């Protein structure tokens, strides 16, 4: 009877203590969050409850396993598995903690500054640092777990360290592209050339930076398509970043009209129309004749907006309004295609 009750008491007590400890930590964090409604730290830290309980349970079972006195042939293997699970739980806990710290830092910074460009830059940097920490923890955890589960690999590991230089050269050559993207990702994160949320024009496509990882970058095109590119592209080829130096942007609309177009009236109507638009930021506007051809003139209307989305909507609205106004009030100003002989023109020789 003792052979059954002892393991049940040991394992059941260990698991019960782990669950109770996790619940107590959650209660303390919940109480702290209620006491400080303006702080998000306690609320965010509640995410670590599950990995904390897993760490306490696996570590506790590893140390209390000898007290169960099971006398199995695979005791060392079982303790090795428990130790491995404890290490994996610790890595999981560290990842959750890093995510919590990063998100809390971003939230606090966003509440202190109104500069969205700086917030996006910090978001990009924290995201890449978090991915680096996750990758290092995952690789380290896997290596330690293999050494614990397979003690025979320790001798092999010592031999591999002796020839690490040769393997490093081979790995560097084989993974040259991956390493190049990794370094490019770090340069983008801390070089401030492009950030999450920036509006860019790349490969003839206009969109917003949606995600930046250590190896690739995702651009959300205006029609909700996703353009995925290696981050090294942004360090080796030219591209347009409309958010660099501020989100404000000036848009243009080109109209091809007749020479008889009343340009001063059209300019005044553009100004009157812009003053009623919420997406015009009021910084600048203009309407000029930029070119003259035998059959038409080129009229350029320019207007400023707060960001790329507003300027796109404003350009479309201005183009539609100016053409509609000319059609209603000055239809003769629209471009014409001559289809008949001009009266009084000399007859063509036969």
C-alpha atoms as a PDB file:
ATOM      1  CA  UNK A   1       0.000   0.000   0.000  1.00  0.00           C
ATOM      2  CA  UNK A   2       2.842   2.362   0.843  1.00  0.00           C
ATOM      3  CA  UNK A   3       4.345   1.798  -2.611  1.00  0.00           C
ATOM      4  CA  UNK A   4       1.199   3.359  -4.127  1.00  0.00           C
ATOM      5  CA  UNK A   5       0.440   6.079  -1.571  1.00  0.00           C
ATOM      6  CA  UNK A   6       3.963   7.483  -1.402  1.00  0.00           C
ATOM      7  CA  UNK A   7       4.212   8.350  -5.160  1.00  0.00           C
ATOM      8  CA  UNK A   8       0.669   9.722  -5.116  1.00  0.00           C
ATOM      9  CA  UNK A   9       1.412  11.953  -2.139  1.00  0.00           C
ATOM     10  CA  UNK A  10       4.740  13.134  -3.513  1.00  0.00           C
ATOM     11  CA  UNK A  11       3.578  13.819  -7.072  1.00  0.00           C
ATOM     12  CA  UNK A  12       0.128  15.076  -6.078  1.00  0.00           C
ATOM     13  CA  UNK A  13       1.561  17.381  -3.418  1.00  0.00           C
ATOM     14  CA  UNK A  14       4.153  18.775  -5.839  1.00  0.00           C
ATOM     15  CA  UNK A  15       1.557  19.494  -8.508  1.00  0.00           C
ATOM     16  CA  UNK A  16      -0.834  21.004  -5.955  1.00  0.00           C
ATOM     17  CA  UNK A  17       1.852  23.335  -4.620  1.00  0.00           C
ATOM     18  CA  UNK A  18       2.722  24.404  -8.176  1.00  0.00           C
ATOM     19  CA  UNK A  19      -0.906  25.183  -9.037  1.00  0.00           C
ATOM     20  CA  UNK A  20      -1.471  27.066  -5.771  1.00  0.00           C
ATOM     21  CA  UNK A  21       1.720  29.086  -6.228  1.00  0.00           C
ATOM     22  CA  UNK A  22       0.680  30.068  -9.750  1.00  0.00           C
ATOM     23  CA  UNK A  23      -2.786  31.097  -8.566  1.00  0.00           C
ATOM     24  CA  UNK A  24      -1.306  33.146  -5.725  1.00  0.00           C
ATOM     25  CA  UNK A  25       0.978  34.984  -8.133  1.00  0.00           C
ATOM     26  CA  UNK A  26      -2.007  35.669 -10.409  1.00  0.00           C
ATOM     27  CA  UNK A  27      -4.066  36.979  -7.483  1.00  0.00           C
ATOM     28  CA  UNK A  28      -1.241  39.277  -6.363  1.00  0.00           C
ATOM     29  CA  UNK A  29      -0.836  40.644  -9.886  1.00  0.00           C
ATOM     30  CA  UNK A  30      -4.582  41.135 -10.248  1.00  0.00           C
ATOM     31  CA  UNK A  31      -4.721  43.001  -6.930  1.00  0.00           C
ATOM     32  CA  UNK A  32      -1.777  45.170  -7.958  1.00  0.00           C
ATOM     33  CA  UNK A  33      -3.448  45.929 -11.272  1.00  0.00           C
ATOM     34  CA  UNK A  34      -6.653  47.011  -9.546  1.00  0.00           C
ATOM     35  CA  UNK A  35      -4.719  49.266  -7.185  1.00  0.00           C
ATOM     36  CA  UNK A  36      -2.971  50.972 -10.122  1.00  0.00           C
ATOM     37  CA  UNK A  37      -5.475  51.254 -13.005  1.00  0.00           C
ATOM     38  CA  UNK A  38      -3.096  53.407 -15.056  1.00  0.00           C
ATOM     39  CA  UNK A  39      -0.304  50.819 -15.023  1.00  0.00           C
ATOM     40  CA  UNK A  40      -0.324  47.855 -17.404  1.00  0.00           C
ATOM     41  CA  UNK A  41       2.621  45.991 -15.880  1.00  0.00           C
ATOM     42  CA  UNK A  42       0.608  43.802 -13.522  1.00  0.00           C
ATOM     43  CA  UNK A  43      -1.981  42.986 -16.178  1.00  0.00           C
ATOM     44  CA  UNK A  44       0.695  42.047 -18.685  1.00  0.00           C
ATOM     45  CA  UNK A  45       2.637  39.965 -16.165  1.00  0.00           C
ATOM     46  CA  UNK A  46      -0.425  37.769 -15.636  1.00  0.00           C
ATOM     47  CA  UNK A  47       0.535  36.109 -18.922  1.00  0.00           C
ATOM     48  CA  UNK A  48       3.382  34.322 -17.142  1.00  0.00           C
ATOM     49  CA  UNK A  49       1.043  32.280 -14.918  1.00  0.00           C
ATOM     50  CA  UNK A  50       0.938  29.205 -17.166  1.00  0.00           C
ATOM     51  CA  UNK A  51       4.706  28.972 -17.896  1.00  0.00           C
ATOM     52  CA  UNK A  52       5.413  29.678 -14.204  1.00  0.00           C
ATOM     53  CA  UNK A  53       3.183  26.802 -13.116  1.00  0.00           C
ATOM     54  CA  UNK A  54       4.827  24.515 -15.678  1.00  0.00           C
ATOM     55  CA  UNK A  55       8.297  25.500 -14.414  1.00  0.00           C
ATOM     56  CA  UNK A  56       7.351  24.941 -10.769  1.00  0.00           C
ATOM     57  CA  UNK A  57       5.711  21.605 -11.547  1.00  0.00           C
ATOM     58  CA  UNK A  58       8.539  20.142 -13.652  1.00  0.00           C
ATOM     59  CA  UNK A  59      11.310  21.458 -11.386  1.00  0.00           C
ATOM     60  CA  UNK A  60       9.453  20.251  -8.307  1.00  0.00           C
ATOM     61  CA  UNK A  61       8.891  16.795  -9.754  1.00  0.00           C
ATOM     62  CA  UNK A  62      12.555  16.600 -10.715  1.00  0.00           C
ATOM     63  CA  UNK A  63      13.722  17.270  -7.151  1.00  0.00           C
ATOM     64  CA  UNK A  64      10.992  15.290  -5.346  1.00  0.00           C
ATOM     65  CA  UNK A  65      11.145  12.266  -7.628  1.00  0.00           C
ATOM     66  CA  UNK A  66      13.654  10.413  -5.391  1.00  0.00           C
ATOM     67  CA  UNK A  67      11.215  10.781  -2.461  1.00  0.00           C
ATOM     68  CA  UNK A  68       8.686   8.625  -4.318  1.00  0.00           C
ATOM     69  CA  UNK A  69      11.133   5.650  -4.135  1.00  0.00           C
ATOM     70  CA  UNK A  70       9.804   3.991  -7.274  1.00  0.00           C
ATOM     71  CA  UNK A  71      13.035   2.060  -7.906  1.00  0.00           C
ATOM     72  CA  UNK A  72      12.512   1.882 -11.652  1.00  0.00           C
ATOM     73  CA  UNK A  73      15.179   0.935 -14.143  1.00  0.00           C
ATOM     74  CA  UNK A  74      14.695   4.216 -16.025  1.00  0.00           C
ATOM     75  CA  UNK A  75      14.962   6.610 -13.078  1.00  0.00           C
ATOM     76  CA  UNK A  76      17.812   8.582 -14.623  1.00  0.00           C
ATOM     77  CA  UNK A  77      15.988   8.887 -17.930  1.00  0.00           C
ATOM     78  CA  UNK A  78      12.805  10.110 -16.206  1.00  0.00           C
ATOM     79  CA  UNK A  79      14.727  12.684 -14.176  1.00  0.00           C
ATOM     80  CA  UNK A  80      16.507  13.782 -17.359  1.00  0.00           C
ATOM     81  CA  UNK A  81      13.145  14.274 -19.099  1.00  0.00           C
ATOM     82  CA  UNK A  82      11.849  16.274 -16.115  1.00  0.00           C
ATOM     83  CA  UNK A  83      14.977  18.422 -16.109  1.00  0.00           C
ATOM     84  CA  UNK A  84      14.576  19.036 -19.830  1.00  0.00           C
ATOM     85  CA  UNK A  85      10.941  20.024 -19.385  1.00  0.00           C
ATOM     86  CA  UNK A  86      11.951  22.359 -16.561  1.00  0.00           C
ATOM     87  CA  UNK A  87      14.539  24.052 -18.794  1.00  0.00           C
ATOM     88  CA  UNK A  88      12.003  24.400 -21.613  1.00  0.00           C
ATOM     89  CA  UNK A  89       9.480  25.885 -19.154  1.00  0.00           C
ATOM     90  CA  UNK A  90      12.120  28.351 -17.944  1.00  0.00           C
ATOM     91  CA  UNK A  91      12.791  29.407 -21.537  1.00  0.00           C
ATOM     92  CA  UNK A  92       9.034  29.773 -22.105  1.00  0.00           C
ATOM     93  CA  UNK A  93       8.787  31.906 -18.968  1.00  0.00           C
ATOM     94  CA  UNK A  94      11.717  34.070 -20.110  1.00  0.00           C
ATOM     95  CA  UNK A  95      10.074  34.597 -23.526  1.00  0.00           C
ATOM     96  CA  UNK A  96       6.764  35.612 -21.968  1.00  0.00           C
ATOM     97  CA  UNK A  97       8.569  37.971 -19.597  1.00  0.00           C
ATOM     98  CA  UNK A  98      10.503  39.549 -22.479  1.00  0.00           C
ATOM     99  CA  UNK A  99       7.253  40.055 -24.408  1.00  0.00           C
ATOM    100  CA  UNK A 100       5.666  41.647 -21.352  1.00  0.00           C
ATOM    101  CA  UNK A 101       8.565  44.023 -20.759  1.00  0.00           C
ATOM    102  CA  UNK A 102       8.678  45.011 -24.436  1.00  0.00           C
ATOM    103  CA  UNK A 103       4.943  45.688 -24.664  1.00  0.00           C
ATOM    104  CA  UNK A 104       4.902  47.650 -21.410  1.00  0.00           C
ATOM    105  CA  UNK A 105       7.867  49.745 -22.562  1.00  0.00           C
ATOM    106  CA  UNK A 106       6.117  50.515 -25.844  1.00  0.00           C
ATOM    107  CA  UNK A 107       2.852  51.442 -24.101  1.00  0.00           C
ATOM    108  CA  UNK A 108       4.591  53.777 -21.654  1.00  0.00           C
ATOM    109  CA  UNK A 109       6.578  55.446 -24.423  1.00  0.00           C
ATOM    110  CA  UNK A 110       3.466  55.860 -26.584  1.00  0.00           C
ATOM    111  CA  UNK A 111       1.651  57.669 -23.751  1.00  0.00           C
ATOM    112  CA  UNK A 112       4.558  60.065 -23.168  1.00  0.00           C
ATOM    113  CA  UNK A 113       5.138  61.205 -26.741  1.00  0.00           C
ATOM    114  CA  UNK A 114       2.907  62.328 -29.596  1.00  0.00           C
ATOM    115  CA  UNK A 115       5.570  61.583 -32.231  1.00  0.00           C
ATOM    116  CA  UNK A 116       4.229  58.525 -34.031  1.00  0.00           C
ATOM    117  CA  UNK A 117       7.490  58.101 -35.956  1.00  0.00           C
ATOM    118  CA  UNK A 118       9.429  57.529 -32.725  1.00  0.00           C
ATOM    119  CA  UNK A 119       6.789  55.091 -31.487  1.00  0.00           C
ATOM    120  CA  UNK A 120       7.021  53.093 -34.732  1.00  0.00           C
ATOM    121  CA  UNK A 121      10.812  53.081 -34.510  1.00  0.00           C
ATOM    122  CA  UNK A 122      10.723  51.732 -30.951  1.00  0.00           C
ATOM    123  CA  UNK A 123       8.124  49.168 -32.017  1.00  0.00           C
ATOM    124  CA  UNK A 124      10.436  47.963 -34.768  1.00  0.00           C
ATOM    125  CA  UNK A 125      13.479  47.781 -32.490  1.00  0.00           C
ATOM    126  CA  UNK A 126      11.678  45.990 -29.676  1.00  0.00           C
ATOM    127  CA  UNK A 127      10.172  43.507 -32.125  1.00  0.00           C
ATOM    128  CA  UNK A 128      13.553  42.540 -33.555  1.00  0.00           C
ATOM    129  CA  UNK A 129      15.243  42.377 -30.138  1.00  0.00           C
ATOM    130  CA  UNK A 130      12.426  40.141 -28.920  1.00  0.00           C
ATOM    131  CA  UNK A 131      12.910  37.816 -31.891  1.00  0.00           C
ATOM    132  CA  UNK A 132      16.663  37.663 -31.234  1.00  0.00           C
ATOM    133  CA  UNK A 133      16.065  36.753 -27.584  1.00  0.00           C
ATOM    134  CA  UNK A 134      13.515  34.115 -28.600  1.00  0.00           C
ATOM    135  CA  UNK A 135      15.893  32.582 -31.145  1.00  0.00           C
ATOM    136  CA  UNK A 136      18.833  32.492 -28.725  1.00  0.00           C
ATOM    137  CA  UNK A 137      16.714  30.970 -25.958  1.00  0.00           C
ATOM    138  CA  UNK A 138      15.259  28.356 -28.303  1.00  0.00           C
ATOM    139  CA  UNK A 139      18.662  27.281 -29.636  1.00  0.00           C
ATOM    140  CA  UNK A 140      20.243  27.245 -26.175  1.00  0.00           C
ATOM    141  CA  UNK A 141      17.347  25.277 -24.692  1.00  0.00           C
ATOM    142  CA  UNK A 142      17.494  22.712 -27.462  1.00  0.00           C
ATOM    143  CA  UNK A 143      21.262  22.269 -27.041  1.00  0.00           C
ATOM    144  CA  UNK A 144      21.039  21.888 -23.242  1.00  0.00           C
ATOM    145  CA  UNK A 145      18.112  19.479 -23.545  1.00  0.00           C
ATOM    146  CA  UNK A 146      20.049  17.253 -25.949  1.00  0.00           C
ATOM    147  CA  UNK A 147      23.061  17.183 -23.616  1.00  0.00           C
ATOM    148  CA  UNK A 148      20.846  16.237 -20.665  1.00  0.00           C
ATOM    149  CA  UNK A 149      18.895  13.555 -22.473  1.00  0.00           C
ATOM    150  CA  UNK A 150      21.925  12.115 -24.265  1.00  0.00           C
ATOM    151  CA  UNK A 151      25.009  12.265 -22.032  1.00  0.00           C
ATOM    152  CA  UNK A 152      27.042  10.548 -24.739  1.00  0.00           C
ATOM    153  CA  UNK A 153      26.795  13.731 -26.801  1.00  0.00           C
ATOM    154  CA  UNK A 154      28.946  15.617 -24.300  1.00  0.00           C
ATOM    155  CA  UNK A 155      32.106  13.937 -25.605  1.00  0.00           C
ATOM    156  CA  UNK A 156      31.004  14.657 -29.144  1.00  0.00           C
ATOM    157  CA  UNK A 157      30.342  18.276 -28.192  1.00  0.00           C
ATOM    158  CA  UNK A 158      33.868  18.628 -26.826  1.00  0.00           C
ATOM    159  CA  UNK A 159      35.263  17.325 -30.109  1.00  0.00           C
ATOM    160  CA  UNK A 160      33.071  19.695 -32.082  1.00  0.00           C
ATOM    161  CA  UNK A 161      34.286  22.664 -30.055  1.00  0.00           C
ATOM    162  CA  UNK A 162      37.843  21.747 -30.930  1.00  0.00           C
ATOM    163  CA  UNK A 163      37.015  22.098 -34.619  1.00  0.00           C
ATOM    164  CA  UNK A 164      34.593  24.997 -34.240  1.00  0.00           C
ATOM    165  CA  UNK A 165      36.705  27.256 -36.451  1.00  0.00           C
ATOM    166  CA  UNK A 166      36.420  24.988 -39.487  1.00  0.00           C
ATOM    167  CA  UNK A 167      32.723  24.433 -38.960  1.00  0.00           C
ATOM    168  CA  UNK A 168      32.238  28.172 -38.488  1.00  0.00           C
ATOM    169  CA  UNK A 169      33.804  28.914 -41.863  1.00  0.00           C
ATOM    170  CA  UNK A 170      31.730  26.237 -43.581  1.00  0.00           C
ATOM    171  CA  UNK A 171      28.529  27.414 -41.907  1.00  0.00           C
ATOM    172  CA  UNK A 172      29.306  31.029 -42.779  1.00  0.00           C
ATOM    173  CA  UNK A 173      29.731  30.224 -46.463  1.00  0.00           C
ATOM    174  CA  UNK A 174      26.636  28.006 -46.578  1.00  0.00           C
ATOM    175  CA  UNK A 175      24.438  30.504 -44.736  1.00  0.00           C
ATOM    176  CA  UNK A 176      25.830  33.646 -46.345  1.00  0.00           C
ATOM    177  CA  UNK A 177      22.425  34.809 -47.587  1.00  0.00           C
ATOM    178  CA  UNK A 178      20.726  34.150 -44.256  1.00  0.00           C
ATOM    179  CA  UNK A 179      23.456  35.898 -42.294  1.00  0.00           C
ATOM    180  CA  UNK A 180      23.298  38.827 -44.711  1.00  0.00           C
ATOM    181  CA  UNK A 181      19.554  39.185 -44.116  1.00  0.00           C
ATOM    182  CA  UNK A 182      20.132  38.910 -40.361  1.00  0.00           C
ATOM    183  CA  UNK A 183      22.654  41.760 -40.375  1.00  0.00           C
ATOM    184  CA  UNK A 184      20.377  43.778 -42.652  1.00  0.00           C
ATOM    185  CA  UNK A 185      17.522  43.287 -40.186  1.00  0.00           C
ATOM    186  CA  UNK A 186      19.653  44.645 -37.355  1.00  0.00           C
ATOM    187  CA  UNK A 187      20.705  47.614 -39.497  1.00  0.00           C
ATOM    188  CA  UNK A 188      17.078  48.397 -40.308  1.00  0.00           C
ATOM    189  CA  UNK A 189      16.058  48.116 -36.655  1.00  0.00           C
ATOM    190  CA  UNK A 190      18.723  50.464 -35.314  1.00  0.00           C
ATOM    191  CA  UNK A 191      19.509  52.483 -38.443  1.00  0.00           C
ATOM    192  CA  UNK A 192      15.999  54.003 -38.719  1.00  0.00           C
ATOM    193  CA  UNK A 193      15.804  53.626 -42.498  1.00  0.00           C
ATOM    194  CA  UNK A 194      12.365  51.992 -42.438  1.00  0.00           C
ATOM    195  CA  UNK A 195       9.955  51.238 -39.587  1.00  0.00           C
ATOM    196  CA  UNK A 196       6.739  49.345 -39.000  1.00  0.00           C
ATOM    197  CA  UNK A 197       3.886  51.574 -40.173  1.00  0.00           C
ATOM    198  CA  UNK A 198       5.929  53.480 -42.763  1.00  0.00           C
ATOM    199  CA  UNK A 199       4.364  54.077 -46.176  1.00  0.00           C
ATOM    200  CA  UNK A 200       6.721  52.923 -48.942  1.00  0.00           C
ATOM    201  CA  UNK A 201       6.788  52.479 -52.700  1.00  0.00           C
ATOM    202  CA  UNK A 202       8.804  49.402 -53.622  1.00  0.00           C
ATOM    203  CA  UNK A 203       8.898  47.444 -56.881  1.00  0.00           C
ATOM    204  CA  UNK A 204       6.194  49.753 -58.238  1.00  0.00           C
ATOM    205  CA  UNK A 205       3.813  48.885 -55.386  1.00  0.00           C
ATOM    206  CA  UNK A 206       2.481  51.340 -52.794  1.00  0.00           C
ATOM    207  CA  UNK A 207       1.838  50.014 -49.292  1.00  0.00           C
ATOM    208  CA  UNK A 208       2.583  50.064 -45.564  1.00  0.00           C
ATOM    209  CA  UNK A 209       5.272  48.158 -43.673  1.00  0.00           C
ATOM    210  CA  UNK A 210       3.314  45.571 -41.694  1.00  0.00           C
ATOM    211  CA  UNK A 211       5.993  43.276 -40.252  1.00  0.00           C
ATOM    212  CA  UNK A 212       9.785  43.239 -39.930  1.00  0.00           C
ATOM    213  CA  UNK A 213      11.588  40.068 -38.863  1.00  0.00           C
ATOM    214  CA  UNK A 214      15.255  39.121 -38.789  1.00  0.00           C
ATOM    215  CA  UNK A 215      15.164  37.800 -42.358  1.00  0.00           C
ATOM    216  CA  UNK A 216      12.140  39.177 -44.233  1.00  0.00           C
ATOM    217  CA  UNK A 217       9.859  42.207 -44.399  1.00  0.00           C
ATOM    218  CA  UNK A 218       6.152  42.302 -45.250  1.00  0.00           C
ATOM    219  CA  UNK A 219       4.512  45.220 -47.071  1.00  0.00           C
ATOM    220  CA  UNK A 220       0.715  45.449 -47.008  1.00  0.00           C
ATOM    221  CA  UNK A 221      -0.304  46.770 -50.429  1.00  0.00           C
ATOM    222  CA  UNK A 222      -3.207  49.238 -50.636  1.00  0.00           C
ATOM    223  CA  UNK A 223      -5.507  46.490 -51.973  1.00  0.00           C
ATOM    224  CA  UNK A 224      -4.646  44.210 -48.993  1.00  0.00           C
ATOM    225  CA  UNK A 225      -2.128  42.073 -50.885  1.00  0.00           C
ATOM    226  CA  UNK A 226       1.080  41.234 -49.024  1.00  0.00           C
ATOM    227  CA  UNK A 227       4.492  41.724 -50.586  1.00  0.00           C
ATOM    228  CA  UNK A 228       7.168  39.719 -48.744  1.00  0.00           C
ATOM    229  CA  UNK A 229      10.786  40.700 -49.397  1.00  0.00           C
ATOM    230  CA  UNK A 230      14.195  39.953 -47.857  1.00  0.00           C
ATOM    231  CA  UNK A 231      15.307  42.728 -45.541  1.00  0.00           C
ATOM    232  CA  UNK A 232      18.619  42.953 -47.415  1.00  0.00           C
ATOM    233  CA  UNK A 233      16.658  44.504 -50.328  1.00  0.00           C
ATOM    234  CA  UNK A 234      16.168  47.711 -48.329  1.00  0.00           C
ATOM    235  CA  UNK A 235      19.918  48.067 -47.802  1.00  0.00           C
ATOM    236  CA  UNK A 236      20.939  47.453 -51.400  1.00  0.00           C
ATOM    237  CA  UNK A 237      18.256  48.996 -53.650  1.00  0.00           C
ATOM    238  CA  UNK A 238      16.500  52.372 -53.770  1.00  0.00           C
ATOM    239  CA  UNK A 239      12.907  52.714 -52.596  1.00  0.00           C
ATOM    240  CA  UNK A 240      10.535  55.522 -51.618  1.00  0.00           C
ATOM    241  CA  UNK A 241       9.709  56.041 -47.935  1.00  0.00           C
ATOM    242  CA  UNK A 242       6.886  58.556 -47.721  1.00  0.00           C
ATOM    243  CA  UNK A 243       6.962  58.548 -43.905  1.00  0.00           C
ATOM    244  CA  UNK A 244      10.628  59.493 -43.597  1.00  0.00           C
ATOM    245  CA  UNK A 245      10.930  62.872 -41.914  1.00  0.00           C
ATOM    246  CA  UNK A 246       7.228  62.940 -41.072  1.00  0.00           C
ATOM    247  CA  UNK A 247       3.971  61.508 -42.462  1.00  0.00           C
ATOM    248  CA  UNK A 248       2.951  64.765 -44.219  1.00  0.00           C
ATOM    249  CA  UNK A 249       2.902  64.528 -47.995  1.00  0.00           C
ATOM    250  CA  UNK A 250       1.895  66.599 -51.017  1.00  0.00           C
ATOM    251  CA  UNK A 251      -0.189  65.068 -53.787  1.00  0.00           C
ATOM    252  CA  UNK A 252      -0.660  66.195 -57.376  1.00  0.00           C
ATOM    253  CA  UNK A 253      -3.412  65.890 -59.983  1.00  0.00           C
ATOM    254  CA  UNK A 254      -2.728  66.447 -63.692  1.00  0.00           C
ATOM    255  CA  UNK A 255      -5.497  67.543 -66.076  1.00  0.00           C
ATOM    256  CA  UNK A 256      -5.203  67.810 -69.853  1.00  0.00           C
ATOM    257  CA  UNK A 257      -7.515  70.664 -70.912  1.00  0.00           C
ATOM    258  CA  UNK A 258      -8.269  72.979 -73.805  1.00  0.00           C
ATOM    259  CA  UNK A 259      -6.399  76.244 -74.302  1.00  0.00           C
ATOM    260  CA  UNK A 260      -9.586  78.187 -73.548  1.00  0.00           C
ATOM    261  CA  UNK A 261      -9.766  76.877 -69.976  1.00  0.00           C
ATOM    262  CA  UNK A 262     -10.470  79.661 -67.420  1.00  0.00           C
ATOM    263  CA  UNK A 263      -7.448  78.858 -65.248  1.00  0.00           C
ATOM    264  CA  UNK A 264      -7.997  81.633 -62.606  1.00  0.00           C
ATOM    265  CA  UNK A 265     -11.573  80.472 -61.988  1.00  0.00           C
ATOM    266  CA  UNK A 266     -10.442  76.847 -61.822  1.00  0.00           C
ATOM    267  CA  UNK A 267      -7.740  77.813 -59.323  1.00  0.00           C
ATOM    268  CA  UNK A 268     -10.250  79.654 -57.126  1.00  0.00           C
ATOM    269  CA  UNK A 269     -12.686  76.730 -57.233  1.00  0.00           C
ATOM    270  CA  UNK A 270      -9.902  74.360 -56.158  1.00  0.00           C
ATOM    271  CA  UNK A 271      -9.151  76.552 -53.140  1.00  0.00           C
ATOM    272  CA  UNK A 272     -12.838  76.768 -52.191  1.00  0.00           C
ATOM    273  CA  UNK A 273     -13.206  73.004 -52.499  1.00  0.00           C
ATOM    274  CA  UNK A 274     -10.103  72.235 -50.432  1.00  0.00           C
ATOM    275  CA  UNK A 275     -11.285  74.419 -47.554  1.00  0.00           C
ATOM    276  CA  UNK A 276     -14.276  72.114 -47.143  1.00  0.00           C
ATOM    277  CA  UNK A 277     -12.218  68.899 -47.084  1.00  0.00           C
ATOM    278  CA  UNK A 278     -11.155  67.415 -43.747  1.00  0.00           C
ATOM    279  CA  UNK A 279      -8.309  65.447 -45.344  1.00  0.00           C
ATOM    280  CA  UNK A 280      -6.585  68.658 -46.517  1.00  0.00           C
ATOM    281  CA  UNK A 281      -4.215  69.768 -43.743  1.00  0.00           C
ATOM    282  CA  UNK A 282      -4.113  73.400 -44.909  1.00  0.00           C
ATOM    283  CA  UNK A 283      -0.324  73.550 -45.341  1.00  0.00           C
ATOM    284  CA  UNK A 284      -0.153  74.220 -49.083  1.00  0.00           C
ATOM    285  CA  UNK A 285      -2.065  74.130 -52.354  1.00  0.00           C
ATOM    286  CA  UNK A 286      -1.615  75.438 -55.891  1.00  0.00           C
ATOM    287  CA  UNK A 287      -2.845  75.168 -59.470  1.00  0.00           C
ATOM    288  CA  UNK A 288      -0.441  75.901 -62.343  1.00  0.00           C
ATOM    289  CA  UNK A 289      -0.215  75.391 -66.078  1.00  0.00           C
ATOM    290  CA  UNK A 290       2.898  73.251 -66.344  1.00  0.00           C
ATOM    291  CA  UNK A 291       2.962  72.582 -70.079  1.00  0.00           C
ATOM    292  CA  UNK A 292       1.395  73.614 -73.390  1.00  0.00           C
ATOM    293  CA  UNK A 293       0.907  71.388 -76.423  1.00  0.00           C
ATOM    294  CA  UNK A 294      -0.649  72.054 -79.838  1.00  0.00           C
ATOM    295  CA  UNK A 295      -3.986  70.503 -78.814  1.00  0.00           C
ATOM    296  CA  UNK A 296      -4.123  71.010 -75.018  1.00  0.00           C
ATOM    297  CA  UNK A 297      -2.522  72.390 -71.887  1.00  0.00           C
ATOM    298  CA  UNK A 298      -1.368  70.504 -68.796  1.00  0.00           C
ATOM    299  CA  UNK A 299      -2.779  71.811 -65.503  1.00  0.00           C
ATOM    300  CA  UNK A 300      -1.259  70.588 -62.255  1.00  0.00           C
ATOM    301  CA  UNK A 301      -3.205  70.852 -59.011  1.00  0.00           C
ATOM    302  CA  UNK A 302      -1.210  70.215 -55.818  1.00  0.00           C
ATOM    303  CA  UNK A 303      -2.501  69.819 -52.272  1.00  0.00           C
ATOM    304  CA  UNK A 304      -1.002  68.667 -48.961  1.00  0.00           C
ATOM    305  CA  UNK A 305      -2.329  66.074 -46.524  1.00  0.00           C
ATOM    306  CA  UNK A 306      -1.432  64.578 -43.148  1.00  0.00           C
ATOM    307  CA  UNK A 307      -0.472  61.141 -44.450  1.00  0.00           C
ATOM    308  CA  UNK A 308      -0.391  58.934 -47.531  1.00  0.00           C
ATOM    309  CA  UNK A 309      -3.906  57.576 -47.052  1.00  0.00           C
ATOM    310  CA  UNK A 310      -5.410  61.061 -46.856  1.00  0.00           C
ATOM    311  CA  UNK A 311      -3.498  62.331 -49.864  1.00  0.00           C
ATOM    312  CA  UNK A 312      -4.691  59.413 -51.995  1.00  0.00           C
ATOM    313  CA  UNK A 313      -8.341  60.086 -51.144  1.00  0.00           C
ATOM    314  CA  UNK A 314      -7.829  63.818 -51.621  1.00  0.00           C
ATOM    315  CA  UNK A 315      -6.247  63.386 -55.063  1.00  0.00           C
ATOM    316  CA  UNK A 316      -9.132  61.232 -56.275  1.00  0.00           C
ATOM    317  CA  UNK A 317     -11.722  63.650 -54.889  1.00  0.00           C
ATOM    318  CA  UNK A 318     -10.025  66.735 -56.404  1.00  0.00           C
ATOM    319  CA  UNK A 319      -9.709  65.094 -59.813  1.00  0.00           C
ATOM    320  CA  UNK A 320     -13.391  64.168 -59.820  1.00  0.00           C
ATOM    321  CA  UNK A 321     -14.502  67.591 -58.552  1.00  0.00           C
ATOM    322  CA  UNK A 322     -12.481  69.648 -61.051  1.00  0.00           C
ATOM    323  CA  UNK A 323     -13.619  67.590 -64.041  1.00  0.00           C
ATOM    324  CA  UNK A 324     -17.226  67.738 -62.864  1.00  0.00           C
ATOM    325  CA  UNK A 325     -17.063  71.498 -62.317  1.00  0.00           C
ATOM    326  CA  UNK A 326     -15.631  72.061 -65.795  1.00  0.00           C
ATOM    327  CA  UNK A 327     -18.277  69.815 -67.346  1.00  0.00           C
ATOM    328  CA  UNK A 328     -21.089  71.722 -65.639  1.00  0.00           C
ATOM    329  CA  UNK A 329     -19.806  75.272 -66.052  1.00  0.00           C
ATOM    330  CA  UNK A 330     -17.184  75.321 -68.819  1.00  0.00           C
ATOM    331  CA  UNK A 331     -17.622  72.290 -71.065  1.00  0.00           C
ATOM    332  CA  UNK A 332     -15.608  73.955 -73.823  1.00  0.00           C
ATOM    333  CA  UNK A 333     -12.518  73.658 -71.588  1.00  0.00           C
ATOM    334  CA  UNK A 334     -12.455  69.879 -71.847  1.00  0.00           C
ATOM    335  CA  UNK A 335      -9.955  68.455 -74.349  1.00  0.00           C
ATOM    336  CA  UNK A 336     -11.183  68.070 -77.926  1.00  0.00           C
ATOM    337  CA  UNK A 337     -10.191  65.754 -80.716  1.00  0.00           C
ATOM    338  CA  UNK A 338     -10.618  67.456 -84.163  1.00  0.00           C
ATOM    339  CA  UNK A 339     -12.597  65.266 -86.546  1.00  0.00           C
ATOM    340  CA  UNK A 340     -13.425  67.762 -89.347  1.00  0.00           C
ATOM    341  CA  UNK A 341     -11.631  70.144 -91.668  1.00  0.00           C
ATOM    342  CA  UNK A 342     -11.287  73.699 -90.397  1.00  0.00           C
ATOM    343  CA  UNK A 343     -13.389  76.146 -92.422  1.00  0.00           C
ATOM    344  CA  UNK A 344     -11.331  78.123 -94.924  1.00  0.00           C
ATOM    345  CA  UNK A 345      -8.518  75.620 -95.034  1.00  0.00           C
ATOM    346  CA  UNK A 346      -6.950  75.250 -98.486  1.00  0.00           C
ATOM    347  CA  UNK A 347      -8.069  72.201-100.456  1.00  0.00           C
ATOM    348  CA  UNK A 348      -5.636  69.350-100.696  1.00  0.00           C
ATOM    349  CA  UNK A 349      -4.008  68.849-104.051  1.00  0.00           C
ATOM    350  CA  UNK A 350      -5.216  65.839-105.962  1.00  0.00           C
END
